[in-house]
Amino acid sequence: MPDSDLRAKYGAGAFDAGLKLQPRTFERRVAQRDSLDQHFTKLWLDFAITGMSQRKVLDTRTRLLVLVGQYTMAKSHDALEDTVRATVAAGVPPREILEIILQCLVYGGHTTVEPAIQVFHRVAEELGLLDELRASQLPLDGNDSKRSYEEERKRWHPEDVADPRCADLMERHGWLAVGRGLTLRPRHHLNTLGWQDALDPEWADLWVKFVYQGMYSRGIVDDKTRLLCMVGNCVAIGETTQGRAHMKGAMRNGASPREVMEVILQSSVNFGMPAMLHSLIMFVELVEEAGRLAEIGNPPKRAKTS
C-alpha cells in the first residue's frame, strides 16, 4: 500500500510522530506490519507512537537520550541509528548524544559500546558533525583541573566525612575519585570502595578512578539527565540493584518521582511489560520509603498475588 494510503488509514498524527522518532525506518515498518496484520499495526501505533511517545512528563531531549542509552545497552543498532538521527534533528547537541553512548561503557563494557560508537560515528560523519565533535572535546585531564575540594566537600554527608575510612581512602586513591563517589552515593560509596579495596587495592584504584574520577565527572550531560538515562539502561538489561540506586540518585539530583517513573513506564514499549512492572514495583517501594508517595498519586498498597 502506498505511504499516502497508509497515512490516511492510520492517521497523519501517527505518521508525523513516528517519523520524528524513526526518520529512517518508520514508513517501512508501518508498511511491513500493515501487510501482515492491520489490527496489530493500529494497536502498536496507538500505544507506542501516538500514545507513549506523545506523553509530556519528560522533555524531548531527555526522552530521546534515554532511548539512545537503552538501544546502546540492548545492542539494537538499527533503532540506535534512527534515534541518533532523531535526537540530532530535535536539536540535542551531538556531544550529549555521544556521551550517553560512552557512559554505557560502565555497565555494558566495550562489547556493548564499540558497535554503538561505530553507528554514531557513521551518522556523525554523514551529517557533517565531526568537526563540531572535535571542537567540543574535553581536555586530556577531563575536568580534574577545574574541580574544587572545598566546594565539593560541602555536598558530602557529615557521616561520610566523619568516617575514619574516608581520609584513609582519599589518601590512597585521591580525593578526586573518592569525593565524586561521596557526592553521588552518600553513605554508600565508602562501603563499596572499602570492600573492593580490601579485596584488591590495585583493582579498587583502577575502578574508582575510571568510574568516579573519570566517567562520572565528565560533566557533559548534567547528573539529573545522566542518572535518568542510567535508570533506563538498568530497566533495559534487567539490572535491579543498580537500578534502584540510580532511581534514588536521579531524585537526589533534581528529578521528580514522576520523571523517574516515566522513564520506567516508557521502557514498556521497547523492553516489555514484565521488565517495566518489576522496576515500577521497586520504584514505588523506594518512593514510599522516602515519604513521597503523594507525588505519584498516593497509590494503595499493591496486593500480592500468586
Protein backbone atom coordinates (compact mmCIF):
# COMPACT_ATOMS: atom_id res chain seq x y z
CA MET A 1 0.00 0.00 0.00
CA PRO A 2 1.42 3.47 -0.88
CA ASP A 3 2.62 5.57 2.05
CA SER A 4 -0.08 8.16 1.35
CA ASP A 5 -2.76 5.49 1.73
CA LEU A 6 -1.18 4.25 4.97
CA ARG A 7 -1.11 7.80 6.30
CA ALA A 8 -4.81 8.14 5.56
CA LYS A 9 -5.56 4.71 7.02
CA TYR A 10 -3.75 5.16 10.33
CA GLY A 11 -3.83 8.93 10.69
CA ALA A 12 -1.46 11.80 9.96
CA GLY A 13 -0.78 12.23 13.67
CA ALA A 14 0.66 8.74 13.96
CA PHE A 15 2.83 9.23 10.88
CA ASP A 16 4.15 12.62 11.91
CA ALA A 17 5.03 11.39 15.40
CA GLY A 18 6.56 8.19 14.06
CA LEU A 19 8.75 9.96 11.54
CA LYS A 20 10.18 12.17 14.28
CA LEU A 21 11.11 9.09 16.31
CA GLN A 22 12.23 6.81 13.48
CA PRO A 23 13.02 9.04 10.49
CA ARG A 24 14.81 6.34 8.52
CA THR A 25 12.64 3.26 9.10
CA PHE A 26 9.17 4.26 10.27
CA GLU A 27 7.36 4.13 6.93
CA ARG A 28 8.92 0.77 6.09
CA ARG A 29 7.97 -0.64 9.48
CA VAL A 30 4.36 0.50 9.13
CA ALA A 31 4.14 -0.99 5.63
CA GLN A 32 5.55 -4.32 6.81
CA ARG A 33 3.20 -4.55 9.76
CA ASP A 34 0.20 -3.46 7.70
CA SER A 35 0.88 -6.17 5.13
CA LEU A 36 0.82 -8.77 7.90
CA ASP A 37 -1.79 -7.61 10.44
CA GLN A 38 -3.60 -4.27 10.31
CA HIS A 39 -5.21 -4.63 13.74
CA PHE A 40 -1.83 -5.21 15.39
CA THR A 41 -0.41 -2.27 13.43
CA LYS A 42 -3.10 0.04 14.78
CA LEU A 43 -2.61 -1.24 18.34
CA TRP A 44 1.15 -0.64 18.06
CA LEU A 45 0.71 2.86 16.66
CA ASP A 46 -1.91 3.84 19.23
CA PHE A 47 0.17 2.61 22.16
CA ALA A 48 3.77 3.28 21.21
CA ILE A 49 3.61 6.18 18.76
CA THR A 50 0.55 8.36 19.35
CA GLY A 51 0.34 7.21 22.96
CA MET A 52 3.59 6.79 24.87
CA SER A 53 5.83 8.91 22.67
CA GLN A 54 3.49 11.89 22.99
CA ARG A 55 3.40 12.00 26.78
CA LYS A 56 4.80 15.23 28.21
CA VAL A 57 6.29 14.14 31.55
CA LEU A 58 9.81 14.10 30.11
CA ASP A 59 11.08 16.81 27.80
CA THR A 60 12.02 15.71 24.29
CA ARG A 61 15.77 15.87 24.95
CA THR A 62 15.59 13.61 27.99
CA ARG A 63 13.20 11.13 26.41
CA LEU A 64 15.41 10.73 23.33
CA LEU A 65 18.65 10.49 25.31
CA VAL A 66 17.10 7.74 27.45
CA LEU A 67 16.32 5.85 24.25
CA VAL A 68 19.88 6.33 22.99
CA GLY A 69 21.21 4.71 26.15
CA GLN A 70 18.69 1.89 26.12
CA TYR A 71 19.28 0.98 22.48
CA THR A 72 23.02 1.04 23.13
CA MET A 73 22.69 -1.31 26.09
CA ALA A 74 20.33 -3.60 24.17
CA LYS A 75 22.67 -3.65 21.14
CA SER A 76 19.71 -2.63 18.98
CA HIS A 77 21.79 -0.86 16.37
CA ASP A 78 19.14 -0.09 13.74
CA ALA A 79 16.96 1.53 16.38
CA LEU A 80 20.01 3.33 17.78
CA GLU A 81 20.84 4.83 14.39
CA ASP A 82 17.28 6.03 13.90
CA THR A 83 17.23 7.53 17.39
CA VAL A 84 20.59 9.27 16.98
CA ARG A 85 19.25 10.89 13.81
CA ALA A 86 16.01 11.86 15.56
CA THR A 87 17.90 13.30 18.52
CA VAL A 88 20.15 15.41 16.29
CA ALA A 89 17.07 16.62 14.39
CA ALA A 90 15.48 17.60 17.72
CA GLY A 91 18.39 19.96 18.39
CA VAL A 92 20.22 17.96 21.04
CA PRO A 93 23.97 18.65 20.89
CA PRO A 94 25.84 15.74 19.25
CA ARG A 95 28.32 15.75 22.14
CA GLU A 96 25.50 14.94 24.58
CA ILE A 97 24.23 12.11 22.38
CA LEU A 98 27.70 10.61 22.18
CA GLU A 99 28.16 11.00 25.93
CA ILE A 100 25.12 8.85 26.69
CA ILE A 101 26.60 6.13 24.47
CA LEU A 102 30.02 6.40 26.12
CA GLN A 103 28.53 6.27 29.63
CA CYS A 104 27.13 2.84 28.76
CA LEU A 105 30.69 1.52 28.99
CA VAL A 106 30.41 1.39 32.79
CA TYR A 107 27.57 -1.16 32.75
CA GLY A 108 27.81 -2.61 29.25
CA GLY A 109 31.56 -2.81 28.65
CA HIS A 110 33.37 -2.45 25.35
CA THR A 111 31.39 -5.22 23.64
CA THR A 112 28.29 -3.07 24.07
CA VAL A 113 29.74 0.37 23.39
CA GLU A 114 32.11 -0.35 20.49
CA PRO A 115 29.38 -1.11 17.90
CA ALA A 116 27.35 1.85 19.17
CA ILE A 117 30.35 4.13 18.63
CA GLN A 118 30.58 2.83 15.08
CA VAL A 119 26.91 3.64 14.48
CA PHE A 120 27.29 7.12 15.95
CA HIS A 121 30.48 7.87 14.01
CA ARG A 122 28.86 6.83 10.73
CA VAL A 123 25.86 9.09 11.33
CA ALA A 124 28.02 11.98 12.56
CA GLU A 125 30.26 11.72 9.50
CA GLU A 126 27.27 11.62 7.17
CA LEU A 127 25.68 14.67 8.85
CA GLY A 128 28.94 16.64 8.92
CA LEU A 129 29.21 16.72 12.71
CA LEU A 130 32.78 15.52 13.22
CA ASP A 131 34.35 19.00 13.30
CA GLU A 132 31.84 20.08 15.95
CA LEU A 133 32.64 16.99 17.99
CA ARG A 134 36.38 17.58 17.77
CA ALA A 135 35.94 21.16 18.92
CA SER A 136 33.81 20.19 21.92
CA GLN A 137 36.11 17.54 23.39
CA LEU A 138 37.25 17.67 27.00
CA PRO A 139 40.97 18.20 27.67
CA LEU A 140 43.08 15.14 28.41
CA ASP A 141 42.58 15.50 32.17
CA GLY A 142 38.82 15.86 31.81
CA ASN A 143 37.55 18.26 34.47
CA ASP A 144 40.19 17.43 37.10
CA SER A 145 41.87 20.84 36.99
CA LYS A 146 38.55 22.65 37.39
CA ARG A 147 37.30 20.77 40.42
CA SER A 148 37.46 22.26 43.92
CA TYR A 149 37.88 20.19 47.07
CA GLU A 150 36.35 22.94 49.20
CA GLU A 151 33.25 23.26 47.02
CA GLU A 152 32.63 19.54 46.64
CA ARG A 153 33.15 18.87 50.34
CA LYS A 154 30.07 20.98 51.06
CA ARG A 155 27.96 18.28 49.38
CA TRP A 156 29.33 15.30 51.29
CA HIS A 157 27.22 13.72 54.01
CA PRO A 158 28.53 14.51 57.52
CA GLU A 159 28.58 10.81 58.40
CA ASP A 160 30.87 10.12 55.45
CA VAL A 161 33.21 12.96 56.39
CA ALA A 162 33.42 11.69 59.98
CA ASP A 163 34.02 8.09 58.90
CA PRO A 164 37.69 7.19 59.57
CA ARG A 165 37.80 5.28 56.29
CA CYS A 166 37.20 8.50 54.35
CA ALA A 167 40.58 10.13 54.97
CA ASP A 168 42.42 6.84 54.51
CA LEU A 169 40.78 6.05 51.18
CA MET A 170 41.30 9.60 49.94
CA GLU A 171 44.97 9.45 50.83
CA ARG A 172 45.44 6.27 48.82
CA HIS A 173 43.04 6.84 45.91
CA GLY A 174 42.84 10.64 45.76
CA TRP A 175 40.02 13.00 46.67
CA LEU A 176 39.02 13.48 43.02
CA ALA A 177 37.96 9.84 42.80
CA VAL A 178 36.64 9.27 46.31
CA GLY A 179 34.98 12.67 46.57
CA ARG A 180 32.88 12.21 43.46
CA GLY A 181 31.57 8.97 44.88
CA LEU A 182 30.70 10.69 48.16
CA THR A 183 28.68 13.26 46.21
CA LEU A 184 26.81 10.75 44.08
CA ARG A 185 26.38 7.89 46.57
CA PRO A 186 26.30 9.30 50.13
CA ARG A 187 26.53 6.72 52.94
CA HIS A 188 27.20 4.03 50.35
CA HIS A 189 30.36 4.83 48.41
CA LEU A 190 32.76 4.26 51.30
CA ASN A 191 31.28 0.80 51.85
CA THR A 192 31.64 -0.17 48.20
CA LEU A 193 35.12 1.27 47.76
CA GLY A 194 36.33 -0.01 51.13
CA TRP A 195 35.15 -3.53 50.35
CA GLN A 196 36.85 -3.60 46.96
CA ASP A 197 39.97 -2.01 48.42
CA ALA A 198 40.20 -4.81 50.98
CA LEU A 199 39.90 -7.41 48.23
CA ASP A 200 42.39 -5.85 45.81
CA PRO A 201 43.73 -2.31 46.34
CA GLU A 202 45.17 -2.07 42.83
CA TRP A 203 41.83 -3.01 41.27
CA ALA A 204 39.96 -0.62 43.58
CA ASP A 205 42.23 2.23 42.49
CA LEU A 206 41.71 1.49 38.80
CA TRP A 207 37.94 1.15 39.31
CA VAL A 208 37.30 4.28 41.35
CA LYS A 209 39.49 6.47 39.14
CA PHE A 210 37.91 5.21 35.93
CA VAL A 211 34.28 5.28 37.06
CA TYR A 212 34.07 8.17 39.53
CA GLN A 213 37.02 10.44 38.80
CA GLY A 214 36.71 9.69 35.11
CA MET A 215 33.34 8.76 33.63
CA TYR A 216 31.06 10.23 36.30
CA SER A 217 32.98 13.53 36.47
CA ARG A 218 32.94 14.40 32.78
CA GLY A 219 30.03 16.83 33.19
CA ILE A 220 28.99 16.77 29.54
CA VAL A 221 25.46 15.77 30.49
CA ASP A 222 24.02 17.06 33.77
CA ASP A 223 23.74 14.50 36.56
CA LYS A 224 19.94 14.54 36.60
CA THR A 225 19.70 13.56 32.93
CA ARG A 226 22.63 11.15 33.11
CA LEU A 227 21.04 9.32 36.04
CA LEU A 228 17.62 9.17 34.38
CA CYS A 229 19.39 7.55 31.43
CA MET A 230 21.05 5.12 33.84
CA VAL A 231 17.63 4.19 35.21
CA GLY A 232 16.51 3.45 31.66
CA ASN A 233 19.66 1.46 30.97
CA CYS A 234 19.07 -0.69 34.03
CA VAL A 235 15.48 -1.44 33.01
CA ALA A 236 16.73 -2.38 29.54
CA ILE A 237 19.14 -5.01 30.88
CA GLY A 238 17.12 -6.09 33.92
CA GLU A 239 19.63 -4.75 36.46
CA THR A 240 17.54 -4.09 39.56
CA THR A 241 20.18 -3.50 42.25
CA GLN A 242 21.89 -0.65 40.43
CA GLY A 243 18.56 0.46 39.00
CA ARG A 244 17.25 1.16 42.48
CA ALA A 245 20.40 3.11 43.36
CA HIS A 246 20.09 5.25 40.23
CA MET A 247 16.41 5.93 40.88
CA LYS A 248 17.44 7.38 44.24
CA GLY A 249 20.37 9.20 42.67
CA ALA A 250 18.21 10.79 39.97
CA MET A 251 15.81 12.15 42.59
CA ARG A 252 18.73 13.32 44.72
CA ASN A 253 19.94 15.31 41.71
CA GLY A 254 16.67 17.04 40.92
CA ALA A 255 14.47 14.54 39.07
CA SER A 256 10.92 14.35 40.34
CA PRO A 257 9.45 10.96 41.26
CA ARG A 258 7.09 11.41 38.33
CA GLU A 259 10.02 11.83 35.92
CA VAL A 260 11.77 8.72 37.19
CA MET A 261 8.53 6.77 36.94
CA GLU A 262 8.05 7.98 33.38
CA VAL A 263 11.41 6.53 32.34
CA ILE A 264 10.23 3.20 33.74
CA LEU A 265 6.82 3.38 32.05
CA GLN A 266 8.32 4.39 28.70
CA SER A 267 10.54 1.31 28.86
CA SER A 268 7.48 -0.90 28.38
CA VAL A 269 7.42 -0.01 24.68
CA ASN A 270 10.82 -1.49 23.85
CA PHE A 271 11.55 -3.87 26.71
CA GLY A 272 8.17 -5.30 27.62
CA MET A 273 5.66 -5.13 30.42
CA PRO A 274 7.35 -7.55 32.88
CA ALA A 275 10.61 -5.57 32.96
CA MET A 276 8.67 -2.33 33.36
CA LEU A 277 6.40 -3.70 36.08
CA HIS A 278 9.25 -5.21 38.08
CA SER A 279 11.06 -1.86 38.10
CA LEU A 280 7.84 0.02 38.82
CA ILE A 281 7.08 -2.06 41.91
CA MET A 282 10.60 -1.49 43.20
CA PHE A 283 10.35 2.23 42.47
CA VAL A 284 7.04 2.67 44.30
CA GLU A 285 8.54 0.94 47.35
CA LEU A 286 11.50 3.31 47.19
CA VAL A 287 9.25 6.38 46.93
CA GLU A 288 7.20 5.15 49.87
CA GLU A 289 10.38 4.79 51.95
CA ALA A 290 11.22 8.40 51.07
CA GLY A 291 7.76 9.61 52.14
CA ARG A 292 6.97 10.95 48.67
CA LEU A 293 4.05 8.77 47.56
CA ALA A 294 1.80 11.82 47.21
CA GLU A 295 3.96 12.92 44.27
CA ILE A 296 2.93 9.86 42.27
CA GLY A 297 -0.74 9.75 43.19
CA ASN A 298 -0.72 8.01 46.60
CA PRO A 299 -1.25 4.51 45.18
CA PRO A 300 -2.75 1.92 47.53
CA LYS A 301 -0.70 -0.99 48.77
CA ARG A 302 -0.28 -3.45 45.94
CA ALA A 303 -2.00 -6.73 46.69
CA LYS A 304 0.32 -9.71 46.40
CA THR A 305 -0.98 -12.37 44.06
CA SER A 306 0.33 -15.80 43.17
